[in-house]
Each structure stands twice: as structure tokens, then as C-alpha cells.
């Protein structure tokens, strides 16, 4: 199998979930490539060319960080190949994390992925599904109301104020587009700079005002879904509780100081998966992250969910093997069905 992982910028990449999956694909003997989102080259009427690095078969390393450092180094040279040589293009760059001076990178990865998908290369997640959910917080609103906090999305300051009052003056504000826990504010009764925060967020675009869930003080649970089901290996489930040790910090993102530990499957999480899984399968999402507080789904990450790089540290299995095995089966299904299955169908087949 020839598999290429699309990331934002190799120079700035860290040894997270994408590198963990790349490393596992390499260890399982696959021709493994990595490319920047700016590495596509298109000529009308021809397959898309990609500038990438192939992991040398002779590469030796002591750790994921060492693996990444060597790939980032000059000894592994950039090369150009035709995308039609690939079996799989795994799109892992997160458009919402791009800097303001890289607006070109926000949509381009999906646009080129769609072109490559039309050539017959398996694209994960399905490129049309990712385009549909580009603003994942809007895609989130398509899910069942019974599993979501009350919310409103607006650019009207008065609408936000009315929602705040109706919610007993206890809400969370965040930009419609963004991730990683940035620019998220808890607005309580005694927030002295309410207007300034609202104005600052409105300057960036649409704002989500969301009901505050007290249970968030105990952290949230990242639920890793593959093919519409909770990721599983050796009887263990991909459930990660994220807790912030700072009692004054209601966000539990690991990038903001949150700590990870194993989480238990609850009836509430089962219910949320039951109501989201079928839609994710229908839409063509292979690998997705759900963030859950008690019985409510607070966010969905359709673009580049993390968590795989540290599962073993908290007593969970190495799920990357399960992920790569699933991709291997998809390529086998594709061959057995003589390329008659759609990308969307293949993307979520077990």
C-alpha cells in the first residue's frame, strides 16, 4: 500500500497522532509519504502531482520524536510523484489552525483532495464530507438536539446578550471557526469585560454562545470514532478523559495544560455515539473525535482529531495499528470490488 499523509507544515509538525499513524504505516511495511498542504501541483487534464517525502526503508529511530526529526532533516529529500501512484491520501491538516497569513491553506487541501479522489485514490476522510463539514461547529449543529447544549450562532451582539440573560448569565462564548481551546470564554454573572470580549469575538466573525455545563469542571471525554464506532483494541476503547489541573481553567485541551487519563464508557456516551455514528457513516467520515461532557456532546472534530500519540502512556493500547489495519482492509475491499465502491462507501467500511 502507498499512503501519503497531508499536514500543514512539516517544519512545524510535532510527534502527535499524524506522525504516530505515519510511523505505524511505515512499520507495517507500507510505502509511506508525508507532504505539506502547499505541495500540490495541478495541470488540467493530468493527475495531480505532489511534492512529498518518502520514508526511507532504511530509516532507524529510537522514538517518535527521533522518527520525526529525521524526516524533517535534509537527509530525507523532497521528491515529486504523481498522485495516481497512491492508494491512499490521508488528509490530516487542520484548516482552522492556519495562521491569518495562510488563508490559501484553509480550503486548498480539500480542493486538491477532491481532485485526487476523482482520480480513484482513496481519500480519508471522504473529501466531499470534509468540505461539507469544513466549519465543524456548523456540522455539529446538524446533530440531534437532544445530545447538545443549547446554543445560538450569530453576529448580533443583542442576540448574544439575550441568550446570556436567558441562560441565567452563565454561558460559553467561542468563535465559529477555530480550535484548540483558543478564544473560548466563560461568561458568568460577574464578568466585568463582557462587552469587550463580545466585540473582540465579533471582529473575528460569527460567534457561538453555548449553554455552560457545570460538569466541564471535571473535564471532558474525547471519544475516538472509526467507521462510526468507538475505536477498540484488545477490549479497550478509545475514550480519553481530559482534565485541567488548574481549578480556574474550565477548558481541558491538552495544549492548554490538560492531563489525560483513561475514561469509562457510560450509557450517556453510548447514546451519543448511537445518534452520531450513523450520520458519520452516511457522510463518509472514517476517523472523528467527539468531545463529551456528561450527557452532552460539546464539539466534533472531523478534520484532524488527536489523541493517538499518548494512549499507551495512560494505559490504553496502541490504536494506530487498528487504524492502519482498517485502511488496509479498505484497499483490499476496493480491489475485490474492482473499484466499483464509492469513496464515501469505502471510507467507513469496517
Protein backbone atom coordinates (compact mmCIF):
# COMPACT_ATOMS: atom_id res chain seq x y z
CA UNK A 1 0.00 0.00 0.00
CA UNK A 2 1.17 3.51 -0.82
CA UNK A 3 -0.18 6.04 1.65
CA UNK A 4 0.50 9.77 1.89
CA UNK A 5 -0.34 11.96 4.89
CA UNK A 6 -1.19 15.63 4.24
CA UNK A 7 -0.14 18.02 7.01
CA UNK A 8 0.04 21.78 7.36
CA UNK A 9 3.81 22.31 7.54
CA UNK A 10 6.44 19.61 8.13
CA UNK A 11 8.82 22.13 9.72
CA UNK A 12 6.26 22.87 12.45
CA UNK A 13 4.83 19.37 12.86
CA UNK A 14 5.14 17.64 16.24
CA UNK A 15 5.07 13.95 17.12
CA UNK A 16 1.30 13.73 17.54
CA UNK A 17 -1.39 11.49 16.10
CA UNK A 18 -0.48 12.00 12.44
CA UNK A 19 3.16 11.12 12.98
CA UNK A 20 2.09 8.12 15.10
CA UNK A 21 -0.05 6.80 12.22
CA UNK A 22 2.64 7.53 9.63
CA UNK A 23 5.17 5.68 11.76
CA UNK A 24 2.84 2.69 12.15
CA UNK A 25 2.13 2.52 8.40
CA UNK A 26 5.90 2.55 7.79
CA UNK A 27 6.48 -0.16 10.41
CA UNK A 28 3.86 -2.36 8.74
CA UNK A 29 5.91 -2.27 5.53
CA UNK A 30 3.89 0.24 3.53
CA UNK A 31 5.38 2.88 1.24
CA UNK A 32 4.72 5.90 3.43
CA UNK A 33 4.84 9.54 2.38
CA UNK A 34 4.27 12.90 4.04
CA UNK A 35 3.53 16.23 2.34
CA UNK A 36 2.67 19.83 3.15
CA UNK A 37 -0.73 21.20 2.18
CA UNK A 38 1.16 23.54 -0.17
CA UNK A 39 2.71 20.64 -2.09
CA UNK A 40 0.03 20.02 -4.73
CA UNK A 41 0.71 20.74 -8.42
CA UNK A 42 -2.19 20.72 -10.86
CA UNK A 43 -2.19 20.74 -14.66
CA UNK A 44 -5.54 20.45 -16.41
CA UNK A 45 -6.10 17.01 -17.88
CA UNK A 46 -3.31 15.38 -15.87
CA UNK A 47 -3.17 13.65 -12.47
CA UNK A 48 -2.24 15.93 -9.58
CA UNK A 49 1.47 15.85 -8.77
CA UNK A 50 2.55 16.08 -5.14
CA UNK A 51 5.78 17.24 -3.54
CA UNK A 52 6.45 14.86 -0.68
CA UNK A 53 8.99 12.92 1.33
CA UNK A 54 9.04 9.13 1.27
CA UNK A 55 10.14 7.48 4.49
CA UNK A 56 13.33 5.55 3.59
CA UNK A 57 13.09 1.81 4.15
CA UNK A 58 16.47 2.00 5.91
CA UNK A 59 15.35 4.62 8.45
CA UNK A 60 16.33 3.72 12.03
CA UNK A 61 14.97 5.65 15.02
CA UNK A 62 14.68 5.43 18.78
CA UNK A 63 11.42 7.29 19.41
CA UNK A 64 8.56 9.07 17.63
CA UNK A 65 10.39 12.37 18.13
CA UNK A 66 13.55 10.91 16.58
CA UNK A 67 11.47 9.49 13.71
CA UNK A 68 10.03 12.94 13.01
CA UNK A 69 13.34 14.80 13.36
CA UNK A 70 14.96 12.59 10.75
CA UNK A 71 12.08 13.11 8.31
CA UNK A 72 12.29 16.86 8.85
CA UNK A 73 16.03 16.79 8.19
CA UNK A 74 17.77 17.27 4.86
CA UNK A 75 18.84 13.63 4.59
CA UNK A 76 15.27 12.71 3.61
CA UNK A 77 14.87 14.68 0.39
CA UNK A 78 11.74 16.11 -1.18
CA UNK A 79 10.53 14.36 -4.30
CA UNK A 80 7.65 14.73 -6.74
CA UNK A 81 5.33 11.86 -7.57
CA UNK A 82 2.04 11.53 -9.34
CA UNK A 83 -0.92 11.17 -7.01
CA UNK A 84 -2.22 8.35 -9.22
CA UNK A 85 0.61 6.22 -7.81
CA UNK A 86 -1.03 6.39 -4.36
CA UNK A 87 -3.54 4.02 -2.84
CA UNK A 88 -4.50 6.39 -0.01
CA UNK A 89 -4.36 10.12 0.67
CA UNK A 90 -4.95 10.76 4.39
CA UNK A 91 -5.78 14.45 4.87
CA UNK A 92 -4.64 15.48 8.35
CA UNK A 93 -4.02 19.22 8.15
CA UNK A 94 -6.46 21.28 10.24
CA UNK A 95 -7.70 24.31 8.24
CA UNK A 96 -8.97 26.05 11.39
CA UNK A 97 -5.45 26.18 12.82
CA UNK A 98 -3.93 28.04 9.90
CA UNK A 99 -2.45 31.48 10.57
CA UNK A 100 -4.03 34.60 9.11
CA UNK A 101 -1.27 34.89 6.50
CA UNK A 102 -2.04 31.35 5.26
CA UNK A 103 -5.67 31.71 4.19
CA UNK A 104 -4.71 29.92 0.98
CA UNK A 105 -4.12 26.76 3.06
CA UNK A 106 -7.59 26.63 4.59
CA UNK A 107 -9.52 25.32 1.59
CA UNK A 108 -6.79 24.25 -0.83
CA UNK A 109 -6.11 20.88 0.82
CA UNK A 110 -9.74 19.85 0.45
CA UNK A 111 -9.95 21.16 -3.12
CA UNK A 112 -6.95 19.13 -4.26
CA UNK A 113 -8.10 16.12 -2.24
CA UNK A 114 -11.39 16.18 -4.14
CA UNK A 115 -9.50 16.20 -7.44
CA UNK A 116 -7.35 13.27 -6.32
CA UNK A 117 -10.42 11.42 -5.06
CA UNK A 118 -11.97 11.78 -8.52
CA UNK A 119 -8.88 10.04 -9.94
CA UNK A 120 -9.81 6.96 -7.90
CA UNK A 121 -7.40 7.34 -4.98
CA UNK A 122 -8.97 6.57 -1.60
CA UNK A 123 -9.17 9.84 0.34
CA UNK A 124 -9.72 9.83 4.09
CA UNK A 125 -11.89 11.28 5.39
CA UNK A 126 -14.05 11.50 2.25
CA UNK A 127 -13.14 14.82 0.60
CA UNK A 128 -16.76 15.80 -0.04
CA UNK A 129 -17.62 15.03 3.58
CA UNK A 130 -14.76 17.20 4.82
CA UNK A 131 -15.81 20.02 2.50
CA UNK A 132 -19.36 19.75 3.85
CA UNK A 133 -18.13 19.93 7.44
CA UNK A 134 -15.39 22.50 6.82
CA UNK A 135 -16.82 24.63 9.62
CA UNK A 136 -17.15 21.71 12.02
CA UNK A 137 -19.17 23.70 14.55
CA UNK A 138 -21.87 24.19 11.90
CA UNK A 139 -21.76 20.48 11.05
CA UNK A 140 -22.16 19.90 14.78
CA UNK A 141 -25.50 21.73 14.60
CA UNK A 142 -26.84 19.09 12.21
CA UNK A 143 -26.75 16.51 15.01
CA UNK A 144 -29.64 15.67 17.31
CA UNK A 145 -30.67 18.49 19.64
CA UNK A 146 -31.14 16.01 22.48
CA UNK A 147 -27.40 15.47 22.86
CA UNK A 148 -26.19 19.08 22.52
CA UNK A 149 -26.14 22.07 24.84
CA UNK A 150 -28.46 24.97 24.00
CA UNK A 151 -26.70 27.41 21.71
CA UNK A 152 -27.02 30.23 19.22
CA UNK A 153 -24.73 31.26 16.36
CA UNK A 154 -24.81 34.94 15.47
CA UNK A 155 -23.04 38.19 14.67
CA UNK A 156 -25.66 40.21 16.54
CA UNK A 157 -24.50 41.50 19.92
CA UNK A 158 -28.07 41.81 21.21
CA UNK A 159 -28.83 38.17 20.38
CA UNK A 160 -25.81 37.15 22.47
CA UNK A 161 -26.90 39.38 25.34
CA UNK A 162 -30.44 37.96 25.27
CA UNK A 163 -29.10 34.39 25.25
CA UNK A 164 -26.80 35.22 28.18
CA UNK A 165 -29.74 36.55 30.22
CA UNK A 166 -31.97 33.60 29.29
CA UNK A 167 -29.19 31.22 30.40
CA UNK A 168 -29.03 32.68 33.91
CA UNK A 169 -25.99 34.70 32.84
CA UNK A 170 -23.75 31.66 32.55
CA UNK A 171 -22.61 30.81 29.01
CA UNK A 172 -19.55 29.95 26.95
CA UNK A 173 -18.55 32.14 24.02
CA UNK A 174 -16.28 30.99 21.19
CA UNK A 175 -15.63 31.79 17.54
CA UNK A 176 -17.48 29.74 14.97
CA UNK A 177 -14.17 28.97 13.26
CA UNK A 178 -11.27 27.91 15.46
CA UNK A 179 -9.93 25.06 17.57
CA UNK A 180 -7.52 24.04 20.27
CA UNK A 181 -9.36 25.89 23.02
CA UNK A 182 -8.31 29.31 21.74
CA UNK A 183 -10.56 32.38 22.22
CA UNK A 184 -13.08 30.50 24.37
CA UNK A 185 -14.58 32.39 27.30
CA UNK A 186 -16.79 31.52 30.24
CA UNK A 187 -19.19 34.42 30.75
CA UNK A 188 -20.67 34.38 34.25
CA UNK A 189 -22.79 36.88 36.15
CA UNK A 190 -19.83 38.97 37.25
CA UNK A 191 -17.86 39.21 34.02
CA UNK A 192 -16.76 42.88 34.00
CA UNK A 193 -15.45 42.90 30.43
CA UNK A 194 -18.41 41.16 28.78
CA UNK A 195 -18.83 43.78 26.04
CA UNK A 196 -15.13 43.91 25.21
CA UNK A 197 -14.94 40.11 24.83
CA UNK A 198 -18.06 40.01 22.67
CA UNK A 199 -16.75 42.82 20.44
CA UNK A 200 -13.37 41.08 20.11
CA UNK A 201 -15.01 37.81 19.04
CA UNK A 202 -17.41 39.54 16.63
CA UNK A 203 -14.43 41.20 14.97
CA UNK A 204 -13.24 37.69 14.05
CA UNK A 205 -16.57 36.57 12.56
CA UNK A 206 -19.56 34.57 13.74
CA UNK A 207 -19.81 33.72 17.44
CA UNK A 208 -21.27 30.69 19.20
CA UNK A 209 -22.97 31.31 22.52
CA UNK A 210 -23.41 27.97 24.25
CA UNK A 211 -25.04 26.83 27.47
CA UNK A 212 -22.42 26.31 30.19
CA UNK A 213 -22.23 22.76 31.50
CA UNK A 214 -21.05 22.63 35.14
CA UNK A 215 -19.74 19.10 34.60
CA UNK A 216 -16.92 20.54 32.48
CA UNK A 217 -15.06 21.28 35.73
CA UNK A 218 -14.40 17.52 35.90
CA UNK A 219 -13.00 17.57 32.37
CA UNK A 220 -14.37 16.23 29.11
CA UNK A 221 -14.04 12.89 27.34
CA UNK A 222 -12.52 12.62 23.88
CA UNK A 223 -14.30 9.77 22.10
CA UNK A 224 -12.32 8.46 19.13
CA UNK A 225 -14.58 7.05 16.44
CA UNK A 226 -13.51 4.95 13.46
CA UNK A 227 -16.04 3.83 10.85
CA UNK A 228 -18.80 5.30 13.03
CA UNK A 229 -17.88 3.18 16.07
CA UNK A 230 -15.73 3.75 19.14
CA UNK A 231 -12.13 2.81 18.35
CA UNK A 232 -11.39 -0.55 20.03
CA UNK A 233 -8.45 -2.86 20.52
CA UNK A 234 -7.99 -5.82 22.88
CA UNK A 235 -11.25 -4.97 24.62
CA UNK A 236 -10.12 -1.39 25.36
CA UNK A 237 -11.98 1.62 23.98
CA UNK A 238 -10.66 4.91 22.62
CA UNK A 239 -12.05 7.02 25.46
CA UNK A 240 -9.75 9.67 26.92
CA UNK A 241 -10.70 11.94 29.80
CA UNK A 242 -9.01 15.33 29.65
CA UNK A 243 -8.74 17.25 32.91
CA UNK A 244 -7.13 20.60 33.66
CA UNK A 245 -5.31 20.71 36.99
CA UNK A 246 -5.93 24.47 37.15
CA UNK A 247 -9.23 24.83 39.00
CA UNK A 248 -9.77 28.26 37.44
CA UNK A 249 -9.46 26.87 33.90
CA UNK A 250 -12.67 25.34 32.51
CA UNK A 251 -11.05 24.26 29.22
CA UNK A 252 -9.36 20.87 29.28
CA UNK A 253 -7.48 20.90 25.96
CA UNK A 254 -4.12 19.17 26.32
CA UNK A 255 -2.44 22.11 24.59
CA UNK A 256 -3.66 24.31 27.45
CA UNK A 257 -2.25 22.18 30.26
CA UNK A 258 -4.89 19.47 30.38
CA UNK A 259 -3.94 15.98 31.55
CA UNK A 260 -5.13 12.74 30.00
CA UNK A 261 -6.36 9.57 31.65
CA UNK A 262 -8.46 6.56 30.72
CA UNK A 263 -12.20 7.09 30.69
CA UNK A 264 -15.06 4.66 31.16
CA UNK A 265 -17.88 4.04 28.73
CA UNK A 266 -21.12 5.43 30.16
CA UNK A 267 -24.70 4.98 28.95
CA UNK A 268 -24.65 8.67 28.04
CA UNK A 269 -21.61 8.27 25.79
CA UNK A 270 -23.14 5.15 24.23
CA UNK A 271 -26.29 7.14 23.46
CA UNK A 272 -24.31 9.97 21.86
CA UNK A 273 -22.40 7.52 19.66
CA UNK A 274 -25.66 5.77 18.69
CA UNK A 275 -27.05 9.10 17.49
CA UNK A 276 -23.94 10.38 15.72
CA UNK A 277 -22.38 7.21 14.29
CA UNK A 278 -24.94 6.54 11.54
CA UNK A 279 -24.69 10.11 10.25
CA UNK A 280 -20.90 9.97 10.21
CA UNK A 281 -21.04 6.69 8.27
CA UNK A 282 -23.58 8.10 5.82
CA UNK A 283 -21.47 11.21 5.24
CA UNK A 284 -18.16 9.34 4.76
CA UNK A 285 -16.18 10.08 7.93
CA UNK A 286 -13.55 7.46 8.69
CA UNK A 287 -11.85 8.98 11.75
CA UNK A 288 -13.56 11.52 14.02
CA UNK A 289 -13.20 12.87 17.56
CA UNK A 290 -16.17 13.68 19.79
CA UNK A 291 -15.83 15.81 22.93
CA UNK A 292 -18.38 14.89 25.60
CA UNK A 293 -19.32 16.39 28.97
CA UNK A 294 -21.71 14.19 30.97
CA UNK A 295 -24.63 13.54 28.59
CA UNK A 296 -23.86 16.31 26.11
CA UNK A 297 -21.70 16.46 23.01
CA UNK A 298 -19.90 19.81 23.06
CA UNK A 299 -17.70 19.56 19.95
CA UNK A 300 -16.92 17.35 16.99
CA UNK A 301 -13.54 17.22 15.23
CA UNK A 302 -13.93 15.94 11.69
CA UNK A 303 -10.65 17.21 10.24
CA UNK A 304 -7.71 16.01 12.34
CA UNK A 305 -8.70 14.50 15.70
CA UNK A 306 -5.79 13.82 18.03
CA UNK A 307 -5.20 11.52 20.96
CA UNK A 308 -3.42 8.55 19.40
CA UNK A 309 0.08 9.66 20.34
CA UNK A 310 -0.29 9.25 24.10
CA UNK A 311 -2.78 6.41 24.57
CA UNK A 312 -0.09 3.99 25.75
CA UNK A 313 1.07 6.49 28.37
CA UNK A 314 -2.34 6.32 30.06
CA UNK A 315 -2.72 2.54 29.89
CA UNK A 316 -4.58 2.21 26.59
CA UNK A 317 -3.38 0.13 23.62
CA UNK A 318 -1.55 1.42 20.57
CA UNK A 319 -4.63 2.20 18.49
CA UNK A 320 -2.60 3.29 15.47
CA UNK A 321 -2.26 -0.36 14.45
CA UNK A 322 -6.05 -0.72 14.48
CA UNK A 323 -6.40 2.39 12.31
CA UNK A 324 -3.83 1.29 9.72
CA UNK A 325 -5.29 -2.24 9.63
CA UNK A 326 -8.68 -0.73 8.83
CA UNK A 327 -7.19 1.25 5.95
CA UNK A 328 -5.50 -1.91 4.65
CA UNK A 329 -8.89 -3.65 4.58
CA UNK A 330 -10.42 -0.76 2.64
CA UNK A 331 -7.80 -1.12 -0.08
CA UNK A 332 -8.50 -4.85 -0.20
CA UNK A 333 -12.27 -4.19 -0.47
CA UNK A 334 -11.56 -1.74 -3.28
CA UNK A 335 -9.60 -4.35 -5.25
CA UNK A 336 -12.12 -7.13 -4.60
CA UNK A 337 -14.96 -4.91 -5.81
CA UNK A 338 -12.98 -3.80 -8.88
CA UNK A 339 -13.14 -0.12 -7.88
CA UNK A 340 -16.94 -0.10 -8.02
CA UNK A 341 -17.39 1.17 -4.45
CA UNK A 342 -17.58 4.92 -3.96
CA UNK A 343 -15.00 6.73 -1.87
CA UNK A 344 -17.71 7.52 0.69
CA UNK A 345 -18.64 3.84 1.00
CA UNK A 346 -15.02 2.72 1.33
CA UNK A 347 -14.20 5.42 3.85
CA UNK A 348 -16.46 3.94 6.51
CA UNK A 349 -16.35 0.21 5.77
CA UNK A 350 -15.04 -1.86 8.68
